Amino acid sequence: RDEGRARWDGLDLRAFTGTYGDYLLAKVAKVFPRL
């Protein structure tokens, strides 16, 4: 699908490659940057 409403943050999820663990770690590290 190339159409449809854009994500609120402009992120293109199709561009992410890797495992779910990789994705989750990158996200959670932004939630608790010092930890």
PDB file of all heavy atoms in Angstrom:
ATOM      1  N   ARG A   1       0.849  -1.193   0.000  1.00  0.00           N
ATOM      2  CA  ARG A   1       0.000   0.000   0.000  1.00  0.00           C
ATOM      3  C   ARG A   1       0.880   1.238   0.000  1.00  0.00           C
ATOM      4  O   ARG A   1       1.749   1.391   0.847  1.00  0.00           O
ATOM      5  CB  ARG A   1      -0.898   0.014   1.248  1.00  0.00           C
ATOM      6  CG  ARG A   1      -1.949  -1.076   1.267  1.00  0.00           C
ATOM      7  CD  ARG A   1      -2.635  -1.141   2.617  1.00  0.00           C
ATOM      8  NE  ARG A   1      -3.256   0.109   2.985  1.00  0.00           N
ATOM      9  CZ  ARG A   1      -4.491   0.464   2.666  1.00  0.00           C
ATOM     10  NH1 ARG A   1      -5.224  -0.340   1.906  1.00  0.00           N
ATOM     11  NH2 ARG A   1      -4.998   1.602   3.064  1.00  0.00           N
ATOM     12  N   ASP A   2       0.658   2.101  -0.956  1.00  0.00           N
ATOM     13  CA  ASP A   2       1.417   3.340  -1.023  1.00  0.00           C
ATOM     14  C   ASP A   2       0.598   4.541  -0.583  1.00  0.00           C
ATOM     15  O   ASP A   2       1.105   5.656  -0.521  1.00  0.00           O
ATOM     16  CB  ASP A   2       1.911   3.577  -2.463  1.00  0.00           C
ATOM     17  CG  ASP A   2       2.904   2.515  -2.895  1.00  0.00           C
ATOM     18  OD1 ASP A   2       3.710   2.096  -2.056  1.00  0.00           O
ATOM     19  OD2 ASP A   2       2.841   2.098  -4.068  1.00  0.00           O
ATOM     20  N   GLU A   3      -0.688   4.300  -0.289  1.00  0.00           N
ATOM     21  CA  GLU A   3      -1.545   5.398   0.091  1.00  0.00           C
ATOM     22  C   GLU A   3      -2.075   5.160   1.500  1.00  0.00           C
ATOM     23  O   GLU A   3      -1.623   4.285   2.214  1.00  0.00           O
ATOM     24  CB  GLU A   3      -2.695   5.552  -0.911  1.00  0.00           C
ATOM     25  CG  GLU A   3      -2.206   5.857  -2.336  1.00  0.00           C
ATOM     26  CD  GLU A   3      -3.352   5.970  -3.301  1.00  0.00           C
ATOM     27  OE1 GLU A   3      -4.509   5.755  -2.878  1.00  0.00           O
ATOM     28  OE2 GLU A   3      -3.101   6.285  -4.476  1.00  0.00           O
ATOM     29  N   GLY A   4      -3.062   5.935   1.890  1.00  0.00           N
ATOM     30  CA  GLY A   4      -3.595   5.837   3.240  1.00  0.00           C
ATOM     31  C   GLY A   4      -3.069   6.979   4.084  1.00  0.00           C
ATOM     32  O   GLY A   4      -2.147   7.691   3.706  1.00  0.00           O
ATOM     33  N   ARG A   5      -3.675   7.160   5.238  1.00  0.00           N
ATOM     34  CA  ARG A   5      -3.279   8.289   6.072  1.00  0.00           C
ATOM     35  C   ARG A   5      -1.865   8.096   6.593  1.00  0.00           C
ATOM     36  O   ARG A   5      -1.458   7.003   6.993  1.00  0.00           O
ATOM     37  CB  ARG A   5      -4.274   8.475   7.218  1.00  0.00           C
ATOM     38  CG  ARG A   5      -4.471   7.266   8.112  1.00  0.00           C
ATOM     39  CD  ARG A   5      -5.680   7.494   9.025  1.00  0.00           C
ATOM     40  NE  ARG A   5      -6.046   6.264   9.727  1.00  0.00           N
ATOM     41  CZ  ARG A   5      -5.676   5.991  10.962  1.00  0.00           C
ATOM     42  NH1 ARG A   5      -4.915   6.825  11.629  1.00  0.00           N
ATOM     43  NH2 ARG A   5      -6.063   4.868  11.545  1.00  0.00           N
ATOM     44  N   ALA A   6      -1.114   9.170   6.593  1.00  0.00           N
ATOM     45  CA  ALA A   6       0.278   9.138   7.054  1.00  0.00           C
ATOM     46  C   ALA A   6       0.322   8.952   8.556  1.00  0.00           C
ATOM     47  O   ALA A   6      -0.601   9.309   9.290  1.00  0.00           O
ATOM     48  CB  ALA A   6       0.979  10.424   6.662  1.00  0.00           C
ATOM     49  N   ARG A   7       1.422   8.376   9.042  1.00  0.00           N
ATOM     50  CA  ARG A   7       1.623   8.253  10.486  1.00  0.00           C
ATOM     51  C   ARG A   7       1.803   9.625  11.105  1.00  0.00           C
ATOM     52  O   ARG A   7       2.337  10.559  10.493  1.00  0.00           O
ATOM     53  CB  ARG A   7       2.849   7.387  10.767  1.00  0.00           C
ATOM     54  CG  ARG A   7       2.588   5.898  10.693  1.00  0.00           C
ATOM     55  CD  ARG A   7       3.876   5.129  10.966  1.00  0.00           C
ATOM     56  NE  ARG A   7       4.455   5.492  12.254  1.00  0.00           N
ATOM     57  CZ  ARG A   7       4.187   4.860  13.396  1.00  0.00           C
ATOM     58  NH1 ARG A   7       3.353   3.861  13.413  1.00  0.00           N
ATOM     59  NH2 ARG A   7       4.769   5.242  14.516  1.00  0.00           N
ATOM     60  N   TRP A   8       1.417   9.725  12.365  1.00  0.00           N
ATOM     61  CA  TRP A   8       1.483  10.984  13.099  1.00  0.00           C
ATOM     62  C   TRP A   8       2.910  11.523  13.207  1.00  0.00           C
ATOM     63  O   TRP A   8       3.139  12.727  13.253  1.00  0.00           O
ATOM     64  CB  TRP A   8       0.924  10.769  14.507  1.00  0.00           C
ATOM     65  CG  TRP A   8       1.785   9.861  15.339  1.00  0.00           C
ATOM     66  CD1 TRP A   8       1.892   8.514  15.207  1.00  0.00           C
ATOM     67  CD2 TRP A   8       2.676  10.228  16.381  1.00  0.00           C
ATOM     68  NE1 TRP A   8       2.785   8.012  16.118  1.00  0.00           N
ATOM     69  CE2 TRP A   8       3.285   9.052  16.853  1.00  0.00           C
ATOM     70  CE3 TRP A   8       3.019  11.435  16.973  1.00  0.00           C
ATOM     71  CZ2 TRP A   8       4.206   9.054  17.870  1.00  0.00           C
ATOM     72  CZ3 TRP A   8       3.947  11.447  18.001  1.00  0.00           C
ATOM     73  CH2 TRP A   8       4.529  10.257  18.439  1.00  0.00           C
ATOM     74  N   ASP A   9       3.917  10.595  13.252  1.00  0.00           N
ATOM     75  CA  ASP A   9       5.300  11.009  13.461  1.00  0.00           C
ATOM     76  C   ASP A   9       6.114  11.013  12.176  1.00  0.00           C
ATOM     77  O   ASP A   9       7.325  11.261  12.203  1.00  0.00           O
ATOM     78  CB  ASP A   9       5.980  10.101  14.489  1.00  0.00           C
ATOM     79  CG  ASP A   9       5.894   8.616  14.120  1.00  0.00           C
ATOM     80  OD1 ASP A   9       5.362   8.301  13.043  1.00  0.00           O
ATOM     81  OD2 ASP A   9       6.374   7.791  14.916  1.00  0.00           O
ATOM     82  N   GLY A  10       5.469  10.739  11.038  1.00  0.00           N
ATOM     83  CA  GLY A  10       6.176  10.728   9.765  1.00  0.00           C
ATOM     84  C   GLY A  10       7.030   9.496   9.533  1.00  0.00           C
ATOM     85  O   GLY A  10       7.697   9.386   8.497  1.00  0.00           O
ATOM     86  N   LEU A  11       7.047   8.551  10.471  1.00  0.00           N
ATOM     87  CA  LEU A  11       7.887   7.360  10.352  1.00  0.00           C
ATOM     88  C   LEU A  11       7.335   6.420   9.279  1.00  0.00           C
ATOM     89  O   LEU A  11       6.133   6.196   9.191  1.00  0.00           O
ATOM     90  CB  LEU A  11       7.944   6.637  11.699  1.00  0.00           C
ATOM     91  CG  LEU A  11       8.811   5.381  11.784  1.00  0.00           C
ATOM     92  CD1 LEU A  11      10.282   5.726  11.624  1.00  0.00           C
ATOM     93  CD2 LEU A  11       8.582   4.671  13.124  1.00  0.00           C
ATOM     94  N   ASP A  12       8.228   5.882   8.475  1.00  0.00           N
ATOM     95  CA  ASP A  12       7.864   4.866   7.492  1.00  0.00           C
ATOM     96  C   ASP A  12       8.299   3.512   8.050  1.00  0.00           C
ATOM     97  O   ASP A  12       9.475   3.173   8.047  1.00  0.00           O
ATOM     98  CB  ASP A  12       8.548   5.140   6.157  1.00  0.00           C
ATOM     99  CG  ASP A  12       8.147   4.133   5.076  1.00  0.00           C
ATOM    100  OD1 ASP A  12       7.348   3.223   5.371  1.00  0.00           O
ATOM    101  OD2 ASP A  12       8.650   4.265   3.938  1.00  0.00           O
ATOM    102  N   LEU A  13       7.345   2.754   8.558  1.00  0.00           N
ATOM    103  CA  LEU A  13       7.671   1.472   9.169  1.00  0.00           C
ATOM    104  C   LEU A  13       8.265   0.490   8.172  1.00  0.00           C
ATOM    105  O   LEU A  13       8.979  -0.434   8.553  1.00  0.00           O
ATOM    106  CB  LEU A  13       6.424   0.866   9.823  1.00  0.00           C
ATOM    107  CG  LEU A  13       5.909   1.579  11.077  1.00  0.00           C
ATOM    108  CD1 LEU A  13       4.580   0.971  11.509  1.00  0.00           C
ATOM    109  CD2 LEU A  13       6.916   1.516  12.205  1.00  0.00           C
ATOM    110  N   ARG A  14       7.982   0.696   6.882  1.00  0.00           N
ATOM    111  CA  ARG A  14       8.534  -0.204   5.873  1.00  0.00           C
ATOM    112  C   ARG A  14      10.055  -0.082   5.796  1.00  0.00           C
ATOM    113  O   ARG A  14      10.736  -1.004   5.327  1.00  0.00           O
ATOM    114  CB  ARG A  14       7.912   0.108   4.508  1.00  0.00           C
ATOM    115  CG  ARG A  14       6.423  -0.185   4.425  1.00  0.00           C
ATOM    116  CD  ARG A  14       5.842   0.343   3.134  1.00  0.00           C
ATOM    117  NE  ARG A  14       6.013   1.798   3.037  1.00  0.00           N
ATOM    118  CZ  ARG A  14       5.594   2.532   2.009  1.00  0.00           C
ATOM    119  NH1 ARG A  14       4.974   1.949   1.000  1.00  0.00           N
ATOM    120  NH2 ARG A  14       5.786   3.837   1.986  1.00  0.00           N
ATOM    121  N   ALA A  15      10.590   1.053   6.253  1.00  0.00           N
ATOM    122  CA  ALA A  15      12.029   1.273   6.156  1.00  0.00           C
ATOM    123  C   ALA A  15      12.800   0.523   7.236  1.00  0.00           C
ATOM    124  O   ALA A  15      14.020   0.350   7.128  1.00  0.00           O
ATOM    125  CB  ALA A  15      12.351   2.766   6.251  1.00  0.00           C
ATOM    126  N   PHE A  16      12.107   0.069   8.272  1.00  0.00           N
ATOM    127  CA  PHE A  16      12.800  -0.630   9.369  1.00  0.00           C
ATOM    128  C   PHE A  16      13.062  -2.077   8.977  1.00  0.00           C
ATOM    129  O   PHE A  16      12.173  -2.784   8.519  1.00  0.00           O
ATOM    130  CB  PHE A  16      11.969  -0.596  10.648  1.00  0.00           C
ATOM    131  CG  PHE A  16      12.543  -1.477  11.734  1.00  0.00           C
ATOM    132  CD1 PHE A  16      13.643  -1.066  12.452  1.00  0.00           C
ATOM    133  CD2 PHE A  16      11.996  -2.737  11.985  1.00  0.00           C
ATOM    134  CE1 PHE A  16      14.192  -1.889  13.422  1.00  0.00           C
ATOM    135  CE2 PHE A  16      12.531  -3.554  12.950  1.00  0.00           C
ATOM    136  CZ  PHE A  16      13.635  -3.126  13.677  1.00  0.00           C
ATOM    137  N   THR A  17      14.297  -2.504   9.181  1.00  0.00           N
ATOM    138  CA  THR A  17      14.649  -3.914   9.018  1.00  0.00           C
ATOM    139  C   THR A  17      15.304  -4.387  10.309  1.00  0.00           C
ATOM    140  O   THR A  17      15.937  -3.614  11.017  1.00  0.00           O
ATOM    141  CB  THR A  17      15.611  -4.120   7.844  1.00  0.00           C
ATOM    142  OG1 THR A  17      16.799  -3.335   8.062  1.00  0.00           O
ATOM    143  CG2 THR A  17      14.965  -3.713   6.526  1.00  0.00           C
ATOM    144  N   GLY A  18      15.139  -5.645  10.604  1.00  0.00           N
ATOM    145  CA  GLY A  18      15.688  -6.204  11.827  1.00  0.00           C
ATOM    146  C   GLY A  18      14.614  -6.950  12.578  1.00  0.00           C
ATOM    147  O   GLY A  18      13.520  -7.211  12.067  1.00  0.00           O
ATOM    148  N   THR A  19      14.916  -7.297  13.818  1.00  0.00           N
ATOM    149  CA  THR A  19      13.985  -8.056  14.637  1.00  0.00           C
ATOM    150  C   THR A  19      13.099  -7.132  15.458  1.00  0.00           C
ATOM    151  O   THR A  19      13.386  -5.942  15.607  1.00  0.00           O
ATOM    152  CB  THR A  19      14.745  -8.986  15.587  1.00  0.00           C
ATOM    153  OG1 THR A  19      15.471  -8.183  16.536  1.00  0.00           O
ATOM    154  CG2 THR A  19      15.723  -9.885  14.824  1.00  0.00           C
ATOM    155  N   TYR A  20      12.037  -7.723  16.007  1.00  0.00           N
ATOM    156  CA  TYR A  20      11.199  -6.914  16.892  1.00  0.00           C
ATOM    157  C   TYR A  20      11.998  -6.443  18.102  1.00  0.00           C
ATOM    158  O   TYR A  20      11.820  -5.313  18.566  1.00  0.00           O
ATOM    159  CB  TYR A  20       9.963  -7.685  17.345  1.00  0.00           C
ATOM    160  CG  TYR A  20       9.152  -6.856  18.310  1.00  0.00           C
ATOM    161  CD1 TYR A  20       8.587  -5.658  17.882  1.00  0.00           C
ATOM    162  CD2 TYR A  20       9.002  -7.225  19.635  1.00  0.00           C
ATOM    163  CE1 TYR A  20       7.878  -4.855  18.756  1.00  0.00           C
ATOM    164  CE2 TYR A  20       8.279  -6.425  20.512  1.00  0.00           C
ATOM    165  CZ  TYR A  20       7.727  -5.237  20.071  1.00  0.00           C
ATOM    166  OH  TYR A  20       7.038  -4.442  20.944  1.00  0.00           O
ATOM    167  N   GLY A  21      12.892  -7.294  18.613  1.00  0.00           N
ATOM    168  CA  GLY A  21      13.724  -6.871  19.729  1.00  0.00           C
ATOM    169  C   GLY A  21      14.531  -5.627  19.403  1.00  0.00           C
ATOM    170  O   GLY A  21      14.671  -4.721  20.243  1.00  0.00           O
ATOM    171  N   ASP A  22      15.073  -5.553  18.197  1.00  0.00           N
ATOM    172  CA  ASP A  22      15.821  -4.367  17.782  1.00  0.00           C
ATOM    173  C   ASP A  22      14.934  -3.126  17.820  1.00  0.00           C
ATOM    174  O   ASP A  22      15.335  -2.059  18.303  1.00  0.00           O
ATOM    175  CB  ASP A  22      16.369  -4.542  16.360  1.00  0.00           C
ATOM    176  CG  ASP A  22      17.394  -5.661  16.240  1.00  0.00           C
ATOM    177  OD1 ASP A  22      18.086  -5.940  17.237  1.00  0.00           O
ATOM    178  OD2 ASP A  22      17.497  -6.256  15.143  1.00  0.00           O
ATOM    179  N   TYR A  23      13.736  -3.262  17.282  1.00  0.00           N
ATOM    180  CA  TYR A  23      12.810  -2.129  17.229  1.00  0.00           C
ATOM    181  C   TYR A  23      12.427  -1.675  18.636  1.00  0.00           C
ATOM    182  O   TYR A  23      12.446  -0.484  18.955  1.00  0.00           O
ATOM    183  CB  TYR A  23      11.559  -2.536  16.452  1.00  0.00           C
ATOM    184  CG  TYR A  23      10.559  -1.419  16.235  1.00  0.00           C
ATOM    185  CD1 TYR A  23      10.751  -0.476  15.240  1.00  0.00           C
ATOM    186  CD2 TYR A  23       9.410  -1.328  17.020  1.00  0.00           C
ATOM    187  CE1 TYR A  23       9.834   0.542  15.029  1.00  0.00           C
ATOM    188  CE2 TYR A  23       8.488  -0.311  16.820  1.00  0.00           C
ATOM    189  CZ  TYR A  23       8.700   0.626  15.825  1.00  0.00           C
ATOM    190  OH  TYR A  23       7.788   1.632  15.624  1.00  0.00           O
ATOM    191  N   LEU A  24      12.109  -2.646  19.492  1.00  0.00           N
ATOM    192  CA  LEU A  24      11.662  -2.320  20.840  1.00  0.00           C
ATOM    193  C   LEU A  24      12.762  -1.645  21.641  1.00  0.00           C
ATOM    194  O   LEU A  24      12.519  -0.659  22.352  1.00  0.00           O
ATOM    195  CB  LEU A  24      11.185  -3.597  21.544  1.00  0.00           C
ATOM    196  CG  LEU A  24      10.615  -3.437  22.949  1.00  0.00           C
ATOM    197  CD1 LEU A  24       9.431  -2.493  22.956  1.00  0.00           C
ATOM    198  CD2 LEU A  24      10.220  -4.797  23.507  1.00  0.00           C
ATOM    199  N   LEU A  25      13.989  -2.150  21.543  1.00  0.00           N
ATOM    200  CA  LEU A  25      15.091  -1.543  22.295  1.00  0.00           C
ATOM    201  C   LEU A  25      15.317  -0.096  21.875  1.00  0.00           C
ATOM    202  O   LEU A  25      15.548   0.784  22.722  1.00  0.00           O
ATOM    203  CB  LEU A  25      16.375  -2.346  22.103  1.00  0.00           C
ATOM    204  CG  LEU A  25      16.466  -3.669  22.842  1.00  0.00           C
ATOM    205  CD1 LEU A  25      17.788  -4.355  22.521  1.00  0.00           C
ATOM    206  CD2 LEU A  25      16.347  -3.462  24.356  1.00  0.00           C
ATOM    207  N   ALA A  26      15.273   0.163  20.580  1.00  0.00           N
ATOM    208  CA  ALA A  26      15.480   1.527  20.109  1.00  0.00           C
ATOM    209  C   ALA A  26      14.407   2.460  20.647  1.00  0.00           C
ATOM    210  O   ALA A  26      14.689   3.613  21.015  1.00  0.00           O
ATOM    211  CB  ALA A  26      15.491   1.554  18.581  1.00  0.00           C
ATOM    212  N   LYS A  27      13.173   1.979  20.734  1.00  0.00           N
ATOM    213  CA  LYS A  27      12.081   2.798  21.241  1.00  0.00           C
ATOM    214  C   LYS A  27      12.189   3.027  22.747  1.00  0.00           C
ATOM    215  O   LYS A  27      12.054   4.149  23.238  1.00  0.00           O
ATOM    216  CB  LYS A  27      10.742   2.134  20.906  1.00  0.00           C
ATOM    217  CG  LYS A  27      10.379   2.152  19.428  1.00  0.00           C
ATOM    218  CD  LYS A  27      10.035   3.556  18.977  1.00  0.00           C
ATOM    219  CE  LYS A  27       9.478   3.582  17.581  1.00  0.00           C
ATOM    220  NZ  LYS A  27       9.084   4.945  17.150  1.00  0.00           N
ATOM    221  N   VAL A  28      12.413   1.952  23.496  1.00  0.00           N
ATOM    222  CA  VAL A  28      12.428   2.060  24.944  1.00  0.00           C
ATOM    223  C   VAL A  28      13.616   2.896  25.422  1.00  0.00           C
ATOM    224  O   VAL A  28      13.524   3.621  26.419  1.00  0.00           O
ATOM    225  CB  VAL A  28      12.424   0.657  25.587  1.00  0.00           C
ATOM    226  CG1 VAL A  28      12.569   0.745  27.092  1.00  0.00           C
ATOM    227  CG2 VAL A  28      11.136  -0.069  25.241  1.00  0.00           C
ATOM    228  N   ALA A  29      14.742   2.827  24.720  1.00  0.00           N
ATOM    229  CA  ALA A  29      15.904   3.623  25.109  1.00  0.00           C
ATOM    230  C   ALA A  29      15.614   5.122  25.015  1.00  0.00           C
ATOM    231  O   ALA A  29      16.245   5.918  25.715  1.00  0.00           O
ATOM    232  CB  ALA A  29      17.102   3.263  24.240  1.00  0.00           C
ATOM    233  N   LYS A  30      14.656   5.521  24.163  1.00  0.00           N
ATOM    234  CA  LYS A  30      14.272   6.926  24.095  1.00  0.00           C
ATOM    235  C   LYS A  30      13.348   7.316  25.239  1.00  0.00           C
ATOM    236  O   LYS A  30      13.283   8.482  25.617  1.00  0.00           O
ATOM    237  CB  LYS A  30      13.603   7.214  22.752  1.00  0.00           C
ATOM    238  CG  LYS A  30      14.549   7.106  21.554  1.00  0.00           C
ATOM    239  CD  LYS A  30      13.830   7.421  20.261  1.00  0.00           C
ATOM    240  CE  LYS A  30      14.781   7.331  19.081  1.00  0.00           C
ATOM    241  NZ  LYS A  30      14.100   7.618  17.786  1.00  0.00           N
ATOM    242  N   VAL A  31      12.627   6.336  25.761  1.00  0.00           N
ATOM    243  CA  VAL A  31      11.721   6.590  26.877  1.00  0.00           C
ATOM    244  C   VAL A  31      12.510   6.812  28.166  1.00  0.00           C
ATOM    245  O   VAL A  31      12.157   7.660  28.994  1.00  0.00           O
ATOM    246  CB  VAL A  31      10.731   5.419  27.027  1.00  0.00           C
ATOM    247  CG1 VAL A  31       9.878   5.581  28.273  1.00  0.00           C
ATOM    248  CG2 VAL A  31       9.840   5.316  25.794  1.00  0.00           C
ATOM    249  N   PHE A  32      13.582   6.040  28.352  1.00  0.00           N
ATOM    250  CA  PHE A  32      14.456   6.170  29.528  1.00  0.00           C
ATOM    251  C   PHE A  32      15.898   6.342  29.046  1.00  0.00           C
ATOM    252  O   PHE A  32      16.700   5.404  29.132  1.00  0.00           O
ATOM    253  CB  PHE A  32      14.348   4.930  30.421  1.00  0.00           C
ATOM    254  CG  PHE A  32      13.004   4.735  31.056  1.00  0.00           C
ATOM    255  CD1 PHE A  32      12.104   3.824  30.533  1.00  0.00           C
ATOM    256  CD2 PHE A  32      12.632   5.463  32.180  1.00  0.00           C
ATOM    257  CE1 PHE A  32      10.858   3.631  31.111  1.00  0.00           C
ATOM    258  CE2 PHE A  32      11.387   5.276  32.762  1.00  0.00           C
ATOM    259  CZ  PHE A  32      10.498   4.363  32.238  1.00  0.00           C
ATOM    260  N   PRO A  33      16.265   7.505  28.516  1.00  0.00           N
ATOM    261  CA  PRO A  33      17.586   7.645  27.886  1.00  0.00           C
ATOM    262  C   PRO A  33      18.751   7.384  28.822  1.00  0.00           C
ATOM    263  O   PRO A  33      19.728   6.745  28.432  1.00  0.00           O
ATOM    264  CB  PRO A  33      17.576   9.085  27.355  1.00  0.00           C
ATOM    265  CG  PRO A  33      16.460   9.773  28.077  1.00  0.00           C
ATOM    266  CD  PRO A  33      15.454   8.725  28.392  1.00  0.00           C
ATOM    267  N   ARG A  34      18.672   7.844  30.060  1.00  0.00           N
ATOM    268  CA  ARG A  34      19.810   7.638  30.970  1.00  0.00           C
ATOM    269  C   ARG A  34      19.964   6.173  31.357  1.00  0.00           C
ATOM    270  O   ARG A  34      21.073   5.656  31.464  1.00  0.00           O
ATOM    271  CB  ARG A  34      19.663   8.521  32.208  1.00  0.00           C
ATOM    272  CG  ARG A  34      20.096   9.959  31.968  1.00  0.00           C
ATOM    273  CD  ARG A  34      20.100  10.782  33.223  1.00  0.00           C
ATOM    274  NE  ARG A  34      18.749  11.201  33.588  1.00  0.00           N
ATOM    275  CZ  ARG A  34      18.475  12.010  34.607  1.00  0.00           C
ATOM    276  NH1 ARG A  34      19.460  12.471  35.375  1.00  0.00           N
ATOM    277  NH2 ARG A  34      17.243  12.370  34.879  1.00  0.00           N
ATOM    278  N   LEU A  35      18.844   5.510  31.554  1.00  0.00           N
ATOM    279  CA  LEU A  35      18.912   4.086  31.857  1.00  0.00           C
ATOM    280  C   LEU A  35      19.444   3.327  30.650  1.00  0.00           C
ATOM    281  O   LEU A  35      20.250   2.398  30.788  1.00  0.00           O
ATOM    282  CB  LEU A  35      17.535   3.566  32.257  1.00  0.00           C
ATOM    283  CG  LEU A  35      17.456   2.126  32.766  1.00  0.00           C
ATOM    284  CD1 LEU A  35      18.319   1.930  33.990  1.00  0.00           C
ATOM    285  CD2 LEU A  35      16.017   1.745  33.069  1.00  0.00           C
TER     286      LEU A  35
END
